[in-house]
Protein backbone atom coordinates (compact mmCIF):
# COMPACT_ATOMS: atom_id res chain seq x y z
CA MET A 1 20.96 -17.83 9.33
CA LEU A 2 20.95 -15.01 11.88
CA VAL A 3 21.16 -15.73 15.58
CA PHE A 4 20.26 -12.95 18.01
CA ARG A 5 20.22 -13.65 21.75
CA LYS A 6 18.19 -11.21 23.79
CA LYS A 7 18.17 -10.39 27.48
CA THR A 8 17.19 -7.22 29.29
CA LEU A 9 19.25 -4.57 27.45
CA THR A 10 19.91 -0.89 27.86
CA LEU A 11 19.31 1.40 24.91
CA CYS A 12 23.07 1.98 24.51
CA LYS A 13 23.80 -1.73 24.39
CA ILE A 14 21.08 -2.20 21.79
CA ILE A 15 22.56 0.56 19.62
CA ASN A 16 26.05 -0.94 19.88
CA ILE A 17 24.75 -4.38 18.92
CA MET A 18 22.88 -2.95 15.96
CA ARG A 19 25.96 -1.09 14.71
CA LYS A 20 27.98 -4.30 14.75
CA LEU A 21 25.22 -6.18 12.99
CA LEU A 22 25.04 -3.55 10.25
CA SER A 23 28.57 -4.46 9.23
CA THR A 24 27.48 -7.97 8.21
CA LEU A 25 25.37 -9.27 5.35
CA ALA A 26 23.15 -11.28 7.62
CA VAL A 27 21.81 -8.17 9.36
CA LEU A 28 19.65 -7.54 6.30
CA PHE A 29 17.50 -10.37 7.58
CA LEU A 30 17.04 -9.09 11.10
CA ILE A 31 13.46 -7.93 11.09
CA GLY A 32 11.36 -6.49 13.83
CA THR A 33 12.11 -4.75 17.08
CA VAL A 34 14.38 -5.97 19.82
CA GLN A 35 12.46 -7.67 22.59
CA THR A 36 13.60 -7.73 26.19
CA GLN A 37 12.45 -11.22 27.08
CA ALA A 38 15.21 -13.72 27.88
CA GLN A 39 14.95 -15.73 24.68
CA GLU A 40 16.79 -16.62 21.50
CA ARG A 41 15.47 -16.02 18.00
CA ARG A 42 16.90 -17.35 14.76
CA LEU A 43 15.86 -16.43 11.25
CA ASN A 44 16.83 -18.53 8.27
CA ALA A 45 17.00 -16.65 4.96
CA TYR A 46 16.56 -17.90 1.39
CA ALA A 47 16.72 -16.41 -2.10
CA ILE A 48 14.75 -17.39 -5.20
CA GLY A 49 15.71 -15.89 -8.57
CA PHE A 50 14.96 -15.62 -12.27
CA TYR A 51 17.20 -14.84 -15.24
CA ASN A 52 16.59 -14.69 -18.98
CA VAL A 53 20.00 -15.91 -20.15
CA GLU A 54 19.39 -14.70 -23.74
CA ASN A 55 19.94 -17.46 -26.26
CA LEU A 56 21.96 -20.11 -24.47
CA PHE A 57 22.40 -22.36 -27.51
CA ASP A 58 24.89 -25.13 -28.04
CA THR A 59 26.68 -25.45 -31.41
CA GLU A 60 24.70 -28.42 -32.79
CA HIS A 61 21.46 -28.45 -34.75
CA ASP A 62 18.38 -29.79 -32.96
CA GLU A 63 16.10 -31.51 -35.46
CA GLY A 64 12.84 -29.63 -36.02
CA HIS A 65 14.05 -26.35 -34.50
CA ASN A 66 15.08 -23.13 -36.20
CA ASP A 67 18.43 -22.81 -34.44
CA TYR A 68 20.51 -22.21 -37.56
CA GLU A 69 21.82 -18.78 -36.53
CA TYR A 70 23.48 -20.47 -33.54
CA LEU A 71 25.59 -22.90 -35.52
CA PRO A 72 29.27 -22.43 -36.46
CA GLU A 73 28.27 -21.64 -40.06
CA GLY A 74 25.22 -19.58 -39.03
CA ARG A 75 24.72 -15.83 -38.91
CA ASN A 76 26.27 -15.54 -35.43
CA LYS A 77 29.21 -17.82 -36.27
CA TRP A 78 28.40 -19.65 -33.05
CA THR A 79 31.58 -21.59 -32.37
CA ASP A 80 32.49 -23.73 -29.38
CA MET A 81 34.73 -20.92 -28.13
CA LYS A 82 31.79 -18.52 -28.04
CA TYR A 83 29.59 -21.16 -26.41
CA GLN A 84 32.15 -21.76 -23.67
CA HIS A 85 32.40 -18.02 -23.03
CA LYS A 86 28.62 -17.82 -22.80
CA LEU A 87 28.55 -20.66 -20.26
CA ARG A 88 31.26 -19.02 -18.20
CA ASN A 89 29.51 -15.65 -18.22
CA MET A 90 26.10 -17.08 -17.33
CA SER A 91 27.49 -19.22 -14.51
CA ARG A 92 29.17 -16.18 -13.01
CA VAL A 93 25.89 -14.28 -12.82
CA LEU A 94 23.88 -17.24 -11.56
CA ALA A 95 26.43 -18.01 -8.85
CA GLU A 96 26.50 -14.40 -7.65
CA MET A 97 22.73 -13.94 -7.55
CA GLY A 98 21.62 -13.59 -3.96
CA THR A 99 25.14 -13.14 -2.58
CA ASP A 100 24.51 -9.48 -1.82
CA LYS A 101 22.74 -10.77 1.25
CA LEU A 102 23.43 -14.51 1.47
CA PRO A 103 26.91 -16.01 1.00
CA TYR A 104 25.43 -19.24 -0.35
CA GLY A 105 23.33 -17.53 -3.03
CA CYS A 106 20.00 -18.77 -4.36
CA ALA A 107 18.12 -21.92 -3.46
CA ALA A 108 16.51 -21.97 -6.93
CA ILE A 109 16.71 -19.90 -10.12
CA GLY A 110 14.32 -20.04 -13.04
CA VAL A 111 15.89 -19.47 -16.46
CA ALA A 112 14.53 -18.66 -19.90
CA GLU A 113 15.93 -18.98 -23.44
CA VAL A 114 17.81 -22.23 -22.90
CA GLU A 115 17.99 -24.51 -25.93
CA ASN A 116 18.06 -27.93 -24.32
CA ALA A 117 19.11 -30.16 -21.44
CA ARG A 118 22.66 -30.36 -22.75
CA CYS A 119 23.05 -26.59 -22.28
CA LEU A 120 21.81 -26.88 -18.71
CA THR A 121 24.15 -29.80 -18.04
CA ASP A 122 27.10 -27.81 -19.37
CA LEU A 123 25.97 -24.79 -17.36
CA CYS A 124 25.76 -26.72 -14.08
CA ASN A 125 29.22 -28.14 -14.77
CA GLN A 126 30.74 -24.67 -14.70
CA GLU A 127 32.87 -24.35 -11.59
CA PRO A 128 30.90 -21.65 -9.71
CA LEU A 129 27.73 -23.77 -9.92
CA LYS A 130 29.39 -27.17 -9.74
CA ALA A 131 30.98 -26.17 -6.43
CA ARG A 132 27.44 -25.91 -4.97
CA ASN A 133 26.26 -29.07 -6.74
CA PHE A 134 23.60 -27.20 -8.72
CA GLN A 135 21.07 -29.43 -10.49
CA PHE A 136 18.36 -28.57 -13.01
CA CYS A 137 14.80 -29.35 -14.10
CA HIS A 138 13.85 -29.15 -17.77
CA VAL A 139 11.18 -30.50 -20.11
CA GLU A 140 11.72 -30.16 -23.86
CA GLY A 141 9.08 -27.82 -25.25
CA PRO A 142 7.56 -27.07 -28.67
CA ASP A 143 9.02 -23.60 -29.29
CA GLN A 144 9.92 -23.15 -32.96
CA ARG A 145 13.34 -21.68 -32.19
CA GLY A 146 13.92 -24.41 -29.61
CA VAL A 147 14.23 -22.21 -26.53
CA ASP A 148 12.81 -23.49 -23.26
CA CYS A 149 12.49 -22.59 -19.61
CA GLY A 150 14.39 -24.42 -16.89
CA LEU A 151 14.96 -24.37 -13.16
CA LEU A 152 18.36 -24.55 -11.51
CA TYR A 153 18.42 -25.47 -7.85
CA ASN A 154 20.76 -26.11 -4.96
CA PRO A 155 19.76 -29.56 -3.62
CA SER A 156 21.08 -28.72 -0.17
CA MET A 157 18.19 -26.25 0.14
CA PHE A 158 15.52 -27.24 -2.38
CA THR A 159 14.28 -30.78 -2.94
CA VAL A 160 12.33 -31.54 -6.12
CA ARG A 161 9.08 -33.52 -5.84
CA ASP A 162 7.59 -33.28 -9.32
CA VAL A 163 8.24 -31.61 -12.70
CA LYS A 164 5.82 -31.05 -15.57
CA LEU A 165 5.35 -28.80 -18.57
CA VAL A 166 1.87 -27.34 -19.02
CA PRO A 167 1.44 -26.32 -22.69
CA TYR A 168 0.49 -22.85 -23.84
CA ILE A 169 -2.81 -23.35 -25.68
CA TYR A 170 -4.01 -21.13 -28.52
CA LYS A 171 -7.76 -20.44 -28.74
CA ASP A 172 -7.98 -18.84 -32.16
CA PRO A 173 -8.61 -21.54 -34.81
CA GLN A 174 -6.38 -19.62 -37.24
CA ASP A 175 -3.46 -19.82 -34.79
CA ILE A 176 -4.04 -23.54 -34.42
CA GLU A 177 -4.17 -23.99 -38.19
CA ARG A 178 -0.89 -22.12 -38.59
CA GLY A 179 0.71 -24.66 -36.29
CA ARG A 180 2.13 -22.05 -33.95
CA ALA A 181 3.99 -23.29 -30.91
CA THR A 182 5.54 -21.42 -28.02
CA ARG A 183 6.98 -22.02 -24.58
CA GLY A 184 4.80 -23.77 -22.05
CA PHE A 185 4.72 -23.31 -18.28
CA LEU A 186 7.37 -25.28 -16.39
CA VAL A 187 5.89 -26.33 -13.05
CA VAL A 188 8.32 -27.61 -10.43
CA SER A 189 7.00 -28.78 -7.07
CA GLY A 190 9.41 -29.22 -4.20
CA THR A 191 10.33 -28.63 -0.59
CA LEU A 192 12.06 -25.53 0.75
CA ALA A 193 12.58 -24.95 4.47
CA GLY A 194 10.34 -27.93 5.19
CA GLU A 195 7.41 -26.44 3.25
CA HIS A 196 5.66 -27.36 0.02
CA VAL A 197 6.75 -24.85 -2.60
CA THR A 198 5.91 -24.77 -6.30
CA ILE A 199 7.75 -22.64 -8.84
CA VAL A 200 6.16 -21.86 -12.21
CA VAL A 201 8.69 -20.65 -14.80
CA ASN A 202 7.31 -18.79 -17.82
CA HIS A 203 8.36 -17.07 -21.02
CA LEU A 204 5.31 -15.44 -22.56
CA PRO A 205 5.04 -14.52 -26.26
CA SER A 206 7.26 -11.66 -27.36
CA ARG A 207 6.13 -8.17 -28.25
CA GLY A 208 6.30 -9.20 -31.86
CA ALA A 209 2.83 -10.52 -31.03
CA THR A 210 -0.07 -8.40 -29.80
CA SER A 211 -1.03 -8.06 -26.14
CA TYR A 212 -3.80 -10.61 -26.66
CA TYR A 213 -1.33 -13.50 -26.71
CA ARG A 214 0.32 -12.47 -23.44
CA GLU A 215 -3.09 -11.91 -21.84
CA LEU A 216 -3.99 -15.41 -22.94
CA GLY A 217 -0.79 -16.60 -21.26
CA GLY A 218 -1.68 -14.70 -18.09
CA GLU A 219 -5.10 -16.40 -18.00
CA GLN A 220 -3.49 -19.81 -18.41
CA ILE A 221 -0.93 -19.18 -15.66
CA ARG A 222 -3.82 -18.15 -13.43
CA ALA A 223 -5.55 -21.44 -14.20
CA VAL A 224 -2.36 -23.31 -13.32
CA LYS A 225 -2.18 -21.36 -10.06
CA ASP A 226 -5.80 -22.14 -9.17
CA SER A 227 -5.24 -25.83 -9.89
CA LEU A 228 -2.15 -25.94 -7.68
CA ILE A 229 -3.97 -24.25 -4.80
CA LYS A 230 -6.95 -26.58 -5.20
CA ASP A 231 -4.59 -29.55 -4.97
CA ASP A 232 -2.89 -28.12 -1.85
CA PRO A 233 -4.32 -24.94 -0.29
CA ASN A 234 -1.10 -24.52 1.71
CA VAL A 235 1.30 -24.61 -1.22
CA LYS A 236 3.52 -21.53 -1.50
CA LEU A 237 3.78 -20.33 -5.09
CA PHE A 238 6.43 -18.44 -7.02
CA ILE A 239 5.30 -17.47 -10.52
CA MET A 240 8.31 -16.14 -12.37
CA GLY A 241 9.52 -15.44 -15.84
CA ASP A 242 10.09 -13.15 -18.76
CA MET A 243 6.53 -11.96 -19.14
CA ASN A 244 7.31 -9.61 -22.07
CA ASP A 245 5.03 -7.16 -20.28
CA ASP A 246 5.41 -4.81 -17.35
CA PRO A 247 3.65 -5.47 -14.01
CA LYS A 248 0.88 -2.95 -14.74
CA ASP A 249 0.05 -4.38 -18.18
CA ARG A 250 -3.16 -6.31 -18.69
CA SER A 251 -1.52 -9.74 -18.93
CA MET A 252 -0.12 -9.37 -15.41
CA ALA A 253 -2.50 -7.01 -13.62
CA VAL A 254 -5.80 -8.27 -15.07
CA ALA A 255 -5.44 -11.67 -16.74
CA LEU A 256 -3.13 -13.09 -14.07
CA GLY A 257 -4.48 -10.77 -11.37
CA ALA A 258 -1.16 -9.96 -9.64
CA ARG A 259 -1.64 -6.98 -7.30
CA ARG A 260 0.56 -3.96 -6.70
CA ASP A 261 -0.15 -3.70 -2.97
CA MET A 262 -0.27 -6.47 -0.39
CA GLY A 263 -3.51 -5.18 1.06
CA GLU A 264 -5.24 -5.71 -2.30
CA VAL A 265 -4.40 -9.43 -2.48
CA GLU A 266 -7.52 -11.50 -2.03
CA GLU A 267 -7.68 -15.08 -0.75
CA GLY A 268 -5.95 -17.27 -3.32
CA GLY A 269 -4.57 -14.18 -5.03
CA LEU A 270 -1.12 -12.97 -6.02
CA TYR A 271 1.26 -10.15 -5.13
CA ASN A 272 3.75 -8.61 -7.55
CA PRO A 273 6.56 -6.91 -5.60
CA PHE A 274 8.17 -5.68 -8.82
CA TRP A 275 5.30 -3.34 -9.66
CA LYS A 276 6.45 -0.69 -7.20
CA ILE A 277 10.06 -1.19 -8.26
CA HIS A 278 9.09 -0.43 -11.86
CA ASP A 279 7.06 2.56 -10.69
CA SER A 280 10.28 3.94 -9.17
CA GLY A 281 11.74 4.28 -12.67
CA THR A 282 13.95 1.25 -13.03
CA GLY A 283 13.64 -2.16 -14.65
CA THR A 284 15.39 -5.16 -16.14
CA LEU A 285 15.81 -4.12 -19.79
CA THR A 286 15.72 -0.93 -21.84
CA TYR A 287 13.91 0.00 -25.03
CA ASP A 288 14.25 3.41 -26.68
CA GLY A 289 15.91 4.72 -23.53
CA ALA A 290 13.12 3.64 -21.16
CA TRP A 291 13.15 0.83 -18.61
CA ASN A 292 10.81 -2.11 -18.87
CA LEU A 293 10.46 -4.69 -16.11
CA PHE A 294 9.52 -7.92 -17.86
CA ASP A 295 11.36 -10.23 -15.44
CA GLN A 296 9.06 -10.71 -12.49
CA ILE A 297 8.64 -13.03 -9.52
CA ILE A 298 5.05 -13.08 -8.28
CA LEU A 299 4.04 -14.53 -4.91
CA SER A 300 1.04 -16.31 -3.47
CA ARG A 301 -0.81 -14.64 -0.61
CA ASN A 302 0.41 -17.10 2.01
CA LEU A 303 3.98 -15.82 1.57
CA LEU A 304 3.00 -12.35 2.79
CA ASP A 305 3.11 -10.82 6.26
CA LEU A 306 -0.20 -9.07 5.72
CA GLU A 307 -0.77 -8.06 9.33
CA GLY A 308 2.77 -6.89 10.01
CA LYS A 309 3.19 -9.28 12.93
CA LYS A 310 6.67 -10.39 11.82
CA ALA A 311 6.22 -13.81 13.32
CA TYR A 312 7.89 -15.62 10.38
CA LYS A 313 6.63 -19.01 11.52
CA GLY A 314 6.53 -20.03 7.86
CA LEU A 315 8.36 -18.87 4.76
CA THR A 316 7.67 -15.15 4.44
CA PHE A 317 8.52 -12.65 1.72
CA PHE A 318 11.05 -10.06 2.83
CA GLN A 319 12.40 -8.15 -0.16
CA ALA A 320 12.50 -8.04 -3.97
CA GLN A 321 15.62 -7.06 -5.87
CA ILE A 322 16.94 -6.46 -9.37
CA PHE A 323 20.43 -7.95 -9.45
CA ARG A 324 22.99 -5.46 -10.74
CA ARG A 325 26.73 -5.63 -11.33
CA ASP A 326 28.83 -3.16 -13.30
CA TYR A 327 30.00 -5.92 -15.62
CA LEU A 328 26.39 -6.48 -16.79
CA PHE A 329 26.34 -3.03 -18.43
CA GLN A 330 28.13 -1.39 -21.33
CA GLN A 331 30.65 0.99 -19.83
CA GLU A 332 31.30 3.30 -22.77
CA GLY A 333 30.16 4.38 -26.19
CA LYS A 334 26.77 5.18 -27.64
CA TYR A 335 25.02 2.48 -25.61
CA LYS A 336 26.71 3.17 -22.29
CA GLY A 337 24.39 2.13 -19.45
CA ASN A 338 22.56 -0.49 -21.53
CA THR A 339 22.84 -4.15 -20.71
CA LEU A 340 25.91 -5.85 -22.18
CA ARG A 341 24.56 -8.48 -24.55
CA THR A 342 26.18 -11.50 -26.16
CA HIS A 343 25.64 -9.97 -29.63
CA ALA A 344 24.57 -6.53 -30.81
CA GLY A 345 24.39 -5.28 -34.38
CA GLY A 346 25.91 -8.51 -35.63
CA VAL A 347 28.98 -8.08 -33.42
CA TRP A 348 29.96 -10.56 -30.73
CA LEU A 349 30.38 -8.60 -27.48
CA ASP A 350 31.17 -11.55 -25.21
CA GLY A 351 28.53 -10.16 -22.88
CA TYR A 352 25.72 -11.56 -20.78
CA SER A 353 22.08 -10.86 -21.57
CA ASP A 354 19.69 -8.12 -22.63
CA HIS A 355 17.88 -8.75 -19.33
CA LEU A 356 18.91 -8.27 -15.72
CA PRO A 357 18.15 -10.99 -13.15
CA THR A 358 15.57 -10.59 -10.41
CA LEU A 359 15.31 -12.08 -6.91
CA VAL A 360 13.08 -12.34 -3.90
CA TYR A 361 14.36 -12.96 -0.37
CA LEU A 362 12.44 -14.97 2.21
CA VAL A 363 12.79 -15.53 5.92
CA LYS A 364 11.57 -18.14 8.34
CA GLU A 365 12.06 -18.55 12.05
CA ALA A 366 14.35 -21.51 12.74
CA LYS A 367 13.42 -24.10 15.31
């Protein structure tokens, strides 16, 4: 929270105040021009994140799932020691997300590639997250490998109302006959800053499949979005996940309809703040030396300050960010600058993920 008391000020005094504020983290959430009226203005700030934690598996077989490579006798020799290291590494990242600007980190973080509720329980019991009493939402899904989406949240900021898993539905009869199954859409409704917020966590089909299957996913997420808005026109939506496509690809830009520019967002539409970030030449994972930005957080129109009034009477989008730390990257060798993974080339690297986390920051005027 930032508190800024304003009276009639000279230009020099304003400059001195601003210089002092620039030395603090909270100044990043001071928005707008200094007014001269005798009044006090407070802005509360919040962070919402997403992270593909890359194969957070426990060491036990889950019946019906192809998790054999993540067993002690499997290809990755996935022992309890490696599992504990993975938990420690993931908890470090999750606890630090958002702390560039907010000492208390994220209010909620969507995650992908988690095997089951036990993994999330063990993750939340890691000290950096346990210290903040992090909780989680999870619904077991049908994915053949057994990986699901989940939502971690800090209950001091985010209160859960309802949790459901909307299935990904194939349309092609041949796909149905093959018995394919993939991750559904985890929909978590709750309260943040006194407002109704719903977070939809996704992990669309990989690029081992054609674009059609991700476009189909984009259409289905759009249907989920429309249904949520119909149920409550005032709900504020965060659609996040590993989309396995970039913001400009058809699944995101056409099927889901997430826009690059705020001014293009129609009533009931969506804004993708990561489109411009990707256009700048960066992303969340690399392939053949180029950056992709699959890990996106997409916002409903009512989170945007479309007119530039900076009133912040309700939760308002402020900034999008790719979370970076040196320890998330390989520091030497042939793959220097790439993300530091848990495994690569059959070798255990004791790393983190092939993806980088993403965040959005929000502000709201405090009463």
